[in-house]
Amino acid sequence: MTDKTNIEARIKKSEELKASLEIKLEKVANTPREDEFKLQIEKIDELIAHLKEELDE
């Protein structure tokens, strides 16, 4: 059960980080850093998807 709890906590933290990056992305829109933030958000999406798959197992 602790594994499930740990995974859920990691998903929650990742979603919070993604939300934070999305807010920052708005501030750096149309600047050279925009792509960097988009890439970070994409990687977090991949991590969240992976963690949810792990949770379903």
N, C-alpha and C. Protein backbone atom coordinates (compact mmCIF):
# COMPACT_ATOMS: atom_id res chain seq x y z
N MET A 1 0.82 -1.20 0.00
CA MET A 1 0.00 0.00 0.00
C MET A 1 0.86 1.26 0.00
N THR A 2 2.01 1.21 0.63
CA THR A 2 2.87 2.40 0.67
C THR A 2 3.39 2.75 -0.72
N ASP A 3 3.61 1.74 -1.57
CA ASP A 3 4.03 2.03 -2.94
C ASP A 3 2.97 2.86 -3.65
N LYS A 4 1.71 2.46 -3.49
CA LYS A 4 0.61 3.19 -4.12
C LYS A 4 0.57 4.63 -3.60
N THR A 5 0.73 4.79 -2.30
CA THR A 5 0.71 6.12 -1.70
C THR A 5 1.87 6.97 -2.21
N ASN A 6 3.05 6.35 -2.33
CA ASN A 6 4.22 7.08 -2.84
C ASN A 6 4.01 7.50 -4.28
N ILE A 7 3.47 6.62 -5.09
CA ILE A 7 3.22 6.95 -6.50
C ILE A 7 2.20 8.07 -6.60
N GLU A 8 1.13 7.98 -5.81
CA GLU A 8 0.11 9.04 -5.83
C GLU A 8 0.71 10.38 -5.42
N ALA A 9 1.60 10.37 -4.44
CA ALA A 9 2.25 11.59 -3.99
C ALA A 9 3.15 12.16 -5.09
N ARG A 10 3.85 11.28 -5.79
CA ARG A 10 4.71 11.73 -6.89
C ARG A 10 3.89 12.32 -8.03
N ILE A 11 2.73 11.71 -8.31
CA ILE A 11 1.85 12.24 -9.35
C ILE A 11 1.37 13.63 -8.95
N LYS A 12 0.95 13.78 -7.68
CA LYS A 12 0.45 15.08 -7.21
C LYS A 12 1.54 16.14 -7.31
N LYS A 13 2.75 15.81 -6.87
CA LYS A 13 3.87 16.76 -6.93
C LYS A 13 4.17 17.14 -8.38
N SER A 14 4.16 16.15 -9.27
CA SER A 14 4.43 16.39 -10.68
C SER A 14 3.38 17.29 -11.29
N GLU A 15 2.13 17.06 -10.93
CA GLU A 15 1.04 17.91 -11.44
C GLU A 15 1.17 19.34 -10.92
N GLU A 16 1.60 19.49 -9.67
CA GLU A 16 1.81 20.83 -9.11
C GLU A 16 2.95 21.54 -9.82
N LEU A 17 4.02 20.81 -10.10
CA LEU A 17 5.16 21.38 -10.81
C LEU A 17 4.75 21.79 -12.22
N LYS A 18 3.97 20.95 -12.87
CA LYS A 18 3.50 21.26 -14.23
C LYS A 18 2.66 22.54 -14.21
N ALA A 19 1.77 22.66 -13.25
CA ALA A 19 0.93 23.86 -13.15
C ALA A 19 1.79 25.11 -12.96
N SER A 20 2.80 24.99 -12.13
CA SER A 20 3.71 26.10 -11.89
C SER A 20 4.45 26.49 -13.19
N LEU A 21 4.92 25.48 -13.91
CA LEU A 21 5.64 25.75 -15.16
C LEU A 21 4.72 26.36 -16.21
N GLU A 22 3.46 25.94 -16.22
CA GLU A 22 2.51 26.51 -17.18
C GLU A 22 2.28 27.99 -16.91
N ILE A 23 2.25 28.37 -15.65
CA ILE A 23 2.11 29.79 -15.29
C ILE A 23 3.35 30.56 -15.76
N LYS A 24 4.52 29.99 -15.50
CA LYS A 24 5.76 30.65 -15.93
C LYS A 24 5.86 30.71 -17.45
N LEU A 25 5.32 29.69 -18.11
CA LEU A 25 5.35 29.65 -19.57
C LEU A 25 4.63 30.86 -20.15
N GLU A 26 3.53 31.24 -19.53
CA GLU A 26 2.78 32.42 -19.98
C GLU A 26 3.65 33.67 -19.93
N LYS A 27 4.51 33.73 -18.91
CA LYS A 27 5.37 34.91 -18.74
C LYS A 27 6.52 34.94 -19.74
N VAL A 28 6.95 33.78 -20.22
CA VAL A 28 8.08 33.73 -21.16
C VAL A 28 7.64 33.47 -22.59
N ALA A 29 6.34 33.57 -22.83
CA ALA A 29 5.82 33.35 -24.18
C ALA A 29 6.50 34.31 -25.16
N ASN A 30 6.79 33.79 -26.32
CA ASN A 30 7.45 34.55 -27.39
C ASN A 30 8.85 35.02 -27.02
N THR A 31 9.51 34.26 -26.16
CA THR A 31 10.91 34.53 -25.84
C THR A 31 11.69 33.24 -26.11
N PRO A 32 13.01 33.33 -26.13
CA PRO A 32 13.81 32.13 -26.38
C PRO A 32 13.59 31.02 -25.34
N ARG A 33 13.16 31.35 -24.15
CA ARG A 33 12.97 30.35 -23.09
C ARG A 33 11.67 29.58 -23.23
N GLU A 34 10.78 30.03 -24.10
CA GLU A 34 9.48 29.38 -24.26
C GLU A 34 9.62 27.89 -24.60
N ASP A 35 10.50 27.56 -25.53
CA ASP A 35 10.68 26.17 -25.92
C ASP A 35 11.21 25.32 -24.77
N GLU A 36 12.08 25.90 -23.96
CA GLU A 36 12.63 25.20 -22.81
C GLU A 36 11.51 24.80 -21.83
N PHE A 37 10.60 25.72 -21.57
CA PHE A 37 9.49 25.44 -20.67
C PHE A 37 8.54 24.41 -21.26
N LYS A 38 8.28 24.52 -22.56
CA LYS A 38 7.41 23.54 -23.22
C LYS A 38 8.00 22.15 -23.12
N LEU A 39 9.30 22.02 -23.29
CA LEU A 39 9.96 20.73 -23.21
C LEU A 39 9.86 20.17 -21.78
N GLN A 40 10.06 21.03 -20.79
CA GLN A 40 9.95 20.57 -19.40
C GLN A 40 8.54 20.08 -19.10
N ILE A 41 7.53 20.80 -19.59
CA ILE A 41 6.14 20.41 -19.37
C ILE A 41 5.85 19.08 -20.07
N GLU A 42 6.38 18.91 -21.27
CA GLU A 42 6.20 17.66 -22.00
C GLU A 42 6.81 16.48 -21.24
N LYS A 43 7.99 16.68 -20.69
CA LYS A 43 8.66 15.62 -19.92
C LYS A 43 7.86 15.27 -18.66
N ILE A 44 7.30 16.28 -18.01
CA ILE A 44 6.48 16.04 -16.83
C ILE A 44 5.22 15.26 -17.22
N ASP A 45 4.62 15.60 -18.36
CA ASP A 45 3.46 14.85 -18.84
C ASP A 45 3.81 13.38 -19.03
N GLU A 46 4.99 13.12 -19.60
CA GLU A 46 5.43 11.74 -19.80
C GLU A 46 5.62 11.04 -18.46
N LEU A 47 6.21 11.73 -17.49
CA LEU A 47 6.41 11.16 -16.16
C LEU A 47 5.07 10.84 -15.50
N ILE A 48 4.12 11.75 -15.59
CA ILE A 48 2.81 11.53 -15.00
C ILE A 48 2.13 10.32 -15.64
N ALA A 49 2.21 10.23 -16.97
CA ALA A 49 1.61 9.09 -17.67
C ALA A 49 2.25 7.78 -17.20
N HIS A 50 3.57 7.79 -17.07
CA HIS A 50 4.29 6.60 -16.62
C HIS A 50 3.88 6.22 -15.19
N LEU A 51 3.79 7.20 -14.31
CA LEU A 51 3.40 6.94 -12.92
C LEU A 51 1.98 6.40 -12.84
N LYS A 52 1.09 6.93 -13.67
CA LYS A 52 -0.31 6.44 -13.67
C LYS A 52 -0.38 5.00 -14.16
N GLU A 53 0.47 4.67 -15.15
CA GLU A 53 0.53 3.28 -15.62
C GLU A 53 1.02 2.39 -14.48
N GLU A 54 2.03 2.84 -13.78
CA GLU A 54 2.59 2.09 -12.66
C GLU A 54 1.54 1.88 -11.58
N LEU A 55 0.72 2.88 -11.37
CA LEU A 55 -0.33 2.83 -10.36
C LEU A 55 -1.40 1.80 -10.75
N ASP A 56 -1.67 1.68 -12.04
CA ASP A 56 -2.69 0.75 -12.54
C ASP A 56 -2.25 -0.71 -12.48
N GLU A 57 -0.94 -0.94 -12.36
CA GLU A 57 -0.44 -2.32 -12.33
C GLU A 57 -0.77 -3.05 -11.06
